[in-house]
C-alpha atoms as a PDB file:
ATOM      1  CA  MET A   1     -63.304 151.602 203.675  1.00  0.00           C
ATOM      2  CA  HIS A   2     -65.256 148.520 204.614  1.00  0.00           C
ATOM      3  CA  VAL A   3     -65.817 144.946 203.586  1.00  0.00           C
ATOM      4  CA  ALA A   4     -68.860 144.007 201.527  1.00  0.00           C
ATOM      5  CA  ASP A   5     -70.167 140.440 200.978  1.00  0.00           C
ATOM      6  CA  LYS A   6     -68.625 137.778 203.199  1.00  0.00           C
ATOM      7  CA  SER A   7     -67.911 135.429 200.313  1.00  0.00           C
ATOM      8  CA  SER A   8     -64.515 133.835 199.859  1.00  0.00           C
ATOM      9  CA  VAL A   9     -62.561 132.336 197.008  1.00  0.00           C
ATOM     10  CA  ALA A  10     -63.293 128.695 196.366  1.00  0.00           C
ATOM     11  CA  GLY A  11     -60.101 126.694 196.878  1.00  0.00           C
ATOM     12  CA  ASP A  12     -58.542 126.335 193.455  1.00  0.00           C
ATOM     13  CA  ALA A  13     -61.490 128.111 191.846  1.00  0.00           C
ATOM     14  CA  LYS A  14     -59.701 131.457 192.208  1.00  0.00           C
ATOM     15  CA  SER A  15     -58.256 131.002 188.732  1.00  0.00           C
ATOM     16  CA  GLU A  16     -61.804 130.498 187.430  1.00  0.00           C
ATOM     17  CA  ASP A  17     -63.084 133.584 189.295  1.00  0.00           C
ATOM     18  CA  LEU A  18     -65.603 131.480 191.227  1.00  0.00           C
ATOM     19  CA  LEU A  19     -66.531 132.476 194.770  1.00  0.00           C
ATOM     20  CA  VAL A  20     -68.113 130.308 197.443  1.00  0.00           C
ATOM     21  CA  MET A  21     -71.338 132.097 198.315  1.00  0.00           C
ATOM     22  CA  GLY A  22     -73.048 129.408 200.370  1.00  0.00           C
ATOM     23  CA  ARG A  23     -73.962 125.763 200.776  1.00  0.00           C
ATOM     24  CA  ILE A  24     -77.043 123.623 200.257  1.00  0.00           C
ATOM     25  CA  THR A  25     -77.667 121.998 203.624  1.00  0.00           C
ATOM     26  CA  ALA A  26     -80.889 119.967 203.333  1.00  0.00           C
ATOM     27  CA  VAL A  27     -84.068 119.404 201.381  1.00  0.00           C
ATOM     28  CA  TYR A  28     -87.182 121.326 202.393  1.00  0.00           C
ATOM     29  CA  GLY A  29     -90.682 119.932 201.927  1.00  0.00           C
ATOM     30  CA  ILE A  30     -91.839 117.616 199.181  1.00  0.00           C
ATOM     31  CA  LYS A  31     -91.826 119.962 196.162  1.00  0.00           C
ATOM     32  CA  GLY A  32     -88.071 120.064 195.510  1.00  0.00           C
ATOM     33  CA  TRP A  33     -87.001 123.039 197.621  1.00  0.00           C
ATOM     34  CA  VAL A  34     -83.629 123.059 199.399  1.00  0.00           C
ATOM     35  CA  LYS A  35     -82.334 124.860 202.482  1.00  0.00           C
ATOM     36  CA  VAL A  36     -79.469 127.250 201.773  1.00  0.00           C
ATOM     37  CA  TYR A  37     -76.802 128.522 204.163  1.00  0.00           C
ATOM     38  CA  SER A  38     -75.600 131.839 202.746  1.00  0.00           C
ATOM     39  CA  PHE A  39     -72.163 133.388 203.311  1.00  0.00           C
ATOM     40  CA  THR A  40     -73.285 136.744 201.902  1.00  0.00           C
ATOM     41  CA  ASP A  41     -74.149 139.789 203.980  1.00  0.00           C
ATOM     42  CA  PRO A  42     -77.064 140.255 204.022  1.00  0.00           C
ATOM     43  CA  MET A  43     -77.732 136.560 203.600  1.00  0.00           C
ATOM     44  CA  ALA A  44     -80.541 137.014 201.048  1.00  0.00           C
ATOM     45  CA  ASN A  45     -78.038 138.486 198.555  1.00  0.00           C
ATOM     46  CA  ILE A  46     -77.238 134.967 197.371  1.00  0.00           C
ATOM     47  CA  LEU A  47     -80.714 134.850 195.817  1.00  0.00           C
ATOM     48  CA  ASP A  48     -79.780 137.740 193.497  1.00  0.00           C
ATOM     49  CA  TYR A  49     -77.601 135.357 191.488  1.00  0.00           C
ATOM     50  CA  ARG A  50     -79.813 133.316 189.171  1.00  0.00           C
ATOM     51  CA  GLN A  51     -77.111 130.893 187.997  1.00  0.00           C
ATOM     52  CA  TRP A  52     -75.149 128.834 190.495  1.00  0.00           C
ATOM     53  CA  ARG A  53     -72.240 126.508 189.977  1.00  0.00           C
ATOM     54  CA  LEU A  54     -72.549 123.652 192.468  1.00  0.00           C
ATOM     55  CA  ARG A  55     -69.445 121.842 193.724  1.00  0.00           C
ATOM     56  CA  TYR A  56     -70.097 118.566 195.495  1.00  0.00           C
ATOM     57  CA  PRO A  57     -67.891 117.041 198.208  1.00  0.00           C
ATOM     58  CA  ASN A  58     -66.582 114.510 195.665  1.00  0.00           C
ATOM     59  CA  GLY A  59     -65.366 117.359 193.405  1.00  0.00           C
ATOM     60  CA  ARG A  60     -68.080 117.007 190.779  1.00  0.00           C
ATOM     61  CA  GLU A  61     -69.547 120.286 189.529  1.00  0.00           C
ATOM     62  CA  GLN A  62     -72.708 121.293 187.736  1.00  0.00           C
ATOM     63  CA  THR A  63     -74.430 124.523 186.759  1.00  0.00           C
ATOM     64  CA  VAL A  64     -78.022 125.079 187.881  1.00  0.00           C
ATOM     65  CA  LYS A  65     -80.502 127.919 187.563  1.00  0.00           C
ATOM     66  CA  LEU A  66     -82.346 129.350 190.528  1.00  0.00           C
ATOM     67  CA  ASP A  67     -86.105 129.458 189.863  1.00  0.00           C
ATOM     68  CA  SER A  68     -87.142 130.929 193.172  1.00  0.00           C
ATOM     69  CA  GLY A  69     -85.853 131.654 196.647  1.00  0.00           C
ATOM     70  CA  ARG A  70     -86.966 133.335 199.843  1.00  0.00           C
ATOM     71  CA  ALA A  71     -86.282 133.798 203.510  1.00  0.00           C
ATOM     72  CA  HIS A  72     -87.688 131.073 205.729  1.00  0.00           C
ATOM     73  CA  GLY A  73     -87.300 131.307 209.492  1.00  0.00           C
ATOM     74  CA  LYS A  74     -83.671 132.210 210.208  1.00  0.00           C
ATOM     75  CA  GLY A  75     -82.457 130.877 206.861  1.00  0.00           C
ATOM     76  CA  LEU A  76     -83.229 130.658 203.167  1.00  0.00           C
ATOM     77  CA  ILE A  77     -84.910 128.147 200.901  1.00  0.00           C
ATOM     78  CA  ALA A  78     -84.509 127.848 197.143  1.00  0.00           C
ATOM     79  CA  LEU A  79     -86.059 126.010 194.225  1.00  0.00           C
ATOM     80  CA  LEU A  80     -83.652 125.010 191.466  1.00  0.00           C
ATOM     81  CA  ASN A  81     -84.812 124.648 187.863  1.00  0.00           C
ATOM     82  CA  GLY A  82     -86.080 121.190 186.989  1.00  0.00           C
ATOM     83  CA  THR A  83     -86.314 120.008 190.578  1.00  0.00           C
ATOM     84  CA  GLY A  84     -89.937 119.271 191.323  1.00  0.00           C
ATOM     85  CA  ASP A  85     -89.749 116.752 194.129  1.00  0.00           C
ATOM     86  CA  ARG A  86     -87.827 115.923 197.267  1.00  0.00           C
ATOM     87  CA  ASP A  87     -85.949 112.980 195.730  1.00  0.00           C
ATOM     88  CA  LEU A  88     -84.519 115.133 192.909  1.00  0.00           C
ATOM     89  CA  ALA A  89     -83.575 117.886 195.369  1.00  0.00           C
ATOM     90  CA  GLN A  90     -81.685 115.426 197.587  1.00  0.00           C
ATOM     91  CA  GLN A  91     -78.843 115.239 195.039  1.00  0.00           C
ATOM     92  CA  PHE A  92     -77.903 118.869 195.790  1.00  0.00           C
ATOM     93  CA  VAL A  93     -77.443 118.481 199.560  1.00  0.00           C
ATOM     94  CA  GLY A  94     -73.869 119.193 200.649  1.00  0.00           C
ATOM     95  CA  ALA A  95     -72.942 121.154 197.520  1.00  0.00           C
ATOM     96  CA  GLU A  96     -71.127 124.475 197.756  1.00  0.00           C
ATOM     97  CA  ILE A  97     -72.768 127.304 195.838  1.00  0.00           C
ATOM     98  CA  LEU A  98     -70.290 129.122 193.605  1.00  0.00           C
ATOM     99  CA  VAL A  99     -70.851 132.336 191.656  1.00  0.00           C
ATOM    100  CA  SER A 100     -68.571 134.081 189.178  1.00  0.00           C
ATOM    101  CA  SER A 101     -66.890 137.184 190.593  1.00  0.00           C
ATOM    102  CA  ARG A 102     -67.862 138.921 187.341  1.00  0.00           C
ATOM    103  CA  ASP A 103     -71.495 138.681 188.462  1.00  0.00           C
ATOM    104  CA  LEU A 104     -70.865 140.633 191.687  1.00  0.00           C
ATOM    105  CA  PRO A 105     -71.897 144.276 191.754  1.00  0.00           C
ATOM    106  CA  ASP A 106     -69.002 146.702 191.688  1.00  0.00           C
ATOM    107  CA  ALA A 107     -67.824 147.621 195.153  1.00  0.00           C
ATOM    108  CA  GLU A 108     -68.131 151.266 196.108  1.00  0.00           C
ATOM    109  CA  ALA A 109     -65.004 153.353 196.611  1.00  0.00           C
ATOM    110  CA  ASP A 110     -63.167 152.143 199.738  1.00  0.00           C
ATOM    111  CA  GLU A 111     -65.255 148.943 199.830  1.00  0.00           C
ATOM    112  CA  TYR A 112     -63.776 145.493 199.347  1.00  0.00           C
ATOM    113  CA  TYR A 113     -65.023 141.964 198.973  1.00  0.00           C
ATOM    114  CA  TRP A 114     -63.307 139.465 201.239  1.00  0.00           C
ATOM    115  CA  TYR A 115     -61.932 137.529 198.282  1.00  0.00           C
ATOM    116  CA  GLN A 116     -60.118 140.696 197.126  1.00  0.00           C
ATOM    117  CA  LEU A 117     -58.280 140.973 200.446  1.00  0.00           C
ATOM    118  CA  GLU A 118     -57.221 137.325 200.611  1.00  0.00           C
ATOM    119  CA  GLY A 119     -53.601 136.985 199.503  1.00  0.00           C
ATOM    120  CA  LEU A 120     -52.630 140.626 200.095  1.00  0.00           C
ATOM    121  CA  THR A 121     -49.270 141.162 201.781  1.00  0.00           C
ATOM    122  CA  VAL A 122     -49.654 142.946 205.119  1.00  0.00           C
ATOM    123  CA  PHE A 123     -47.111 145.560 206.187  1.00  0.00           C
ATOM    124  CA  ALA A 124     -46.797 147.225 209.598  1.00  0.00           C
ATOM    125  CA  GLN A 125     -44.591 150.100 210.651  1.00  0.00           C
ATOM    126  CA  THR A 126     -42.205 149.694 213.564  1.00  0.00           C
ATOM    127  CA  GLU A 127     -41.557 152.360 216.201  1.00  0.00           C
ATOM    128  CA  ASP A 128     -38.350 153.356 214.422  1.00  0.00           C
ATOM    129  CA  GLY A 129     -40.269 153.973 211.178  1.00  0.00           C
ATOM    130  CA  ASN A 130     -39.232 150.833 209.299  1.00  0.00           C
ATOM    131  CA  GLU A 131     -41.835 148.787 207.474  1.00  0.00           C
ATOM    132  CA  ILE A 132     -42.044 145.042 208.145  1.00  0.00           C
ATOM    133  CA  ASN A 133     -43.857 142.264 206.329  1.00  0.00           C
ATOM    134  CA  LEU A 134     -46.266 140.410 208.641  1.00  0.00           C
ATOM    135  CA  GLY A 135     -47.349 137.888 206.002  1.00  0.00           C
ATOM    136  CA  LYS A 136     -50.408 137.454 203.796  1.00  0.00           C
ATOM    137  CA  VAL A 137     -54.121 137.609 204.485  1.00  0.00           C
ATOM    138  CA  HIS A 138     -55.168 133.958 204.509  1.00  0.00           C
ATOM    139  CA  HIS A 139     -58.866 134.515 205.179  1.00  0.00           C
ATOM    140  CA  LEU A 140     -61.283 136.687 207.095  1.00  0.00           C
ATOM    141  CA  MET A 141     -63.821 135.782 209.730  1.00  0.00           C
ATOM    142  CA  GLU A 142     -66.810 137.454 211.248  1.00  0.00           C
ATOM    143  CA  THR A 143     -66.677 137.804 215.026  1.00  0.00           C
ATOM    144  CA  GLY A 144     -69.665 139.990 215.778  1.00  0.00           C
ATOM    145  CA  ALA A 145     -67.913 143.161 216.893  1.00  0.00           C
ATOM    146  CA  ASN A 146     -65.842 143.470 213.714  1.00  0.00           C
ATOM    147  CA  ASP A 147     -64.361 141.312 210.999  1.00  0.00           C
ATOM    148  CA  VAL A 148     -60.913 139.810 211.626  1.00  0.00           C
ATOM    149  CA  MET A 149     -58.149 139.089 209.130  1.00  0.00           C
ATOM    150  CA  VAL A 150     -56.128 135.918 209.625  1.00  0.00           C
ATOM    151  CA  VAL A 151     -52.606 136.861 208.519  1.00  0.00           C
ATOM    152  CA  ARG A 152     -50.139 134.009 208.119  1.00  0.00           C
ATOM    153  CA  GLY A 153     -46.392 134.288 207.809  1.00  0.00           C
ATOM    154  CA  ALA A 154     -45.228 133.788 204.229  1.00  0.00           C
ATOM    155  CA  SER A 155     -42.133 134.113 202.097  1.00  0.00           C
ATOM    156  CA  GLY A 156     -40.413 137.356 203.045  1.00  0.00           C
ATOM    157  CA  SER A 157     -42.298 137.912 206.288  1.00  0.00           C
ATOM    158  CA  ILE A 158     -40.635 138.433 209.666  1.00  0.00           C
ATOM    159  CA  ASP A 159     -41.758 135.016 210.932  1.00  0.00           C
ATOM    160  CA  ARG A 160     -44.232 132.181 210.265  1.00  0.00           C
ATOM    161  CA  ARG A 161     -46.711 133.193 212.981  1.00  0.00           C
ATOM    162  CA  GLU A 162     -50.408 133.518 212.451  1.00  0.00           C
ATOM    163  CA  ARG A 163     -51.866 136.858 213.550  1.00  0.00           C
ATOM    164  CA  LEU A 164     -55.472 137.862 214.040  1.00  0.00           C
ATOM    165  CA  ILE A 165     -55.801 141.494 213.014  1.00  0.00           C
ATOM    166  CA  PRO A 166     -59.135 143.293 213.352  1.00  0.00           C
ATOM    167  CA  TRP A 167     -60.585 144.965 210.289  1.00  0.00           C
ATOM    168  CA  LEU A 168     -60.978 148.422 211.780  1.00  0.00           C
ATOM    169  CA  GLU A 169     -60.829 151.044 209.095  1.00  0.00           C
ATOM    170  CA  ASP A 170     -58.541 153.977 209.750  1.00  0.00           C
ATOM    171  CA  GLN A 171     -57.727 152.634 213.250  1.00  0.00           C
ATOM    172  CA  VAL A 172     -55.872 149.457 212.265  1.00  0.00           C
ATOM    173  CA  VAL A 173     -56.146 149.177 208.480  1.00  0.00           C
ATOM    174  CA  THR A 174     -54.583 152.349 207.133  1.00  0.00           C
ATOM    175  CA  GLU A 175     -54.167 151.537 203.426  1.00  0.00           C
ATOM    176  CA  VAL A 176     -55.348 148.913 200.949  1.00  0.00           C
ATOM    177  CA  ASN A 177     -53.775 148.721 197.497  1.00  0.00           C
ATOM    178  CA  LEU A 178     -55.403 145.964 195.449  1.00  0.00           C
ATOM    179  CA  GLU A 179     -53.461 146.818 192.293  1.00  0.00           C
ATOM    180  CA  GLN A 180     -50.086 146.347 193.989  1.00  0.00           C
ATOM    181  CA  GLY A 181     -51.269 143.521 196.274  1.00  0.00           C
ATOM    182  CA  PHE A 182     -50.650 144.927 199.749  1.00  0.00           C
ATOM    183  CA  MET A 183     -52.178 146.631 202.754  1.00  0.00           C
ATOM    184  CA  ARG A 184     -50.714 148.633 205.600  1.00  0.00           C
ATOM    185  CA  VAL A 185     -51.809 148.232 209.186  1.00  0.00           C
ATOM    186  CA  ASP A 186     -51.094 149.983 212.446  1.00  0.00           C
ATOM    187  CA  TRP A 187     -50.362 146.802 214.405  1.00  0.00           C
ATOM    188  CA  ASP A 188     -47.723 145.676 216.846  1.00  0.00           C
ATOM    189  CA  PRO A 189     -45.906 142.687 215.270  1.00  0.00           C
ATOM    190  CA  GLU A 190     -45.609 141.111 218.733  1.00  0.00           C
ATOM    191  CA  PHE A 191     -49.381 140.464 218.776  1.00  0.00           C
END
């Protein structure tokens, strides 16, 4: 089992099935291109989605079509439909790029998108064989060596602590059940 794209659910957009896939960070050149910071892995995967929903810092949203995109240096650049100059492209800077979860490719068996893991209840087994609720997966983060789940205490959990639990398949994460909304981990609750 492993985690696929590094996208996460967009705030209250979960009910709309929209996922934050990246952000427009700056304009590029004079012909209307923008720089894109991608949250997908690999980062160029964001360019596979031809329709983006943009959410601006003020909450305004708009749908745009991606005309073209490519790698540039260590990042990505994109040209959005109808944007032919730098001044028009400037309006997009700072917007989050959202994509419908329905547009994602199906995950392989034992593969999960981050957004699918967020909100799962995390159970650990004690030395005496009892199962305890550690809380819910709040979000995941990439650390280089392996991904890490941020598990926060929630209703019914043993405490309100925040725990950082590595996503290590079969070593730490022993079961994921998306249908029933939980996962089991081999993790000492004192950590």
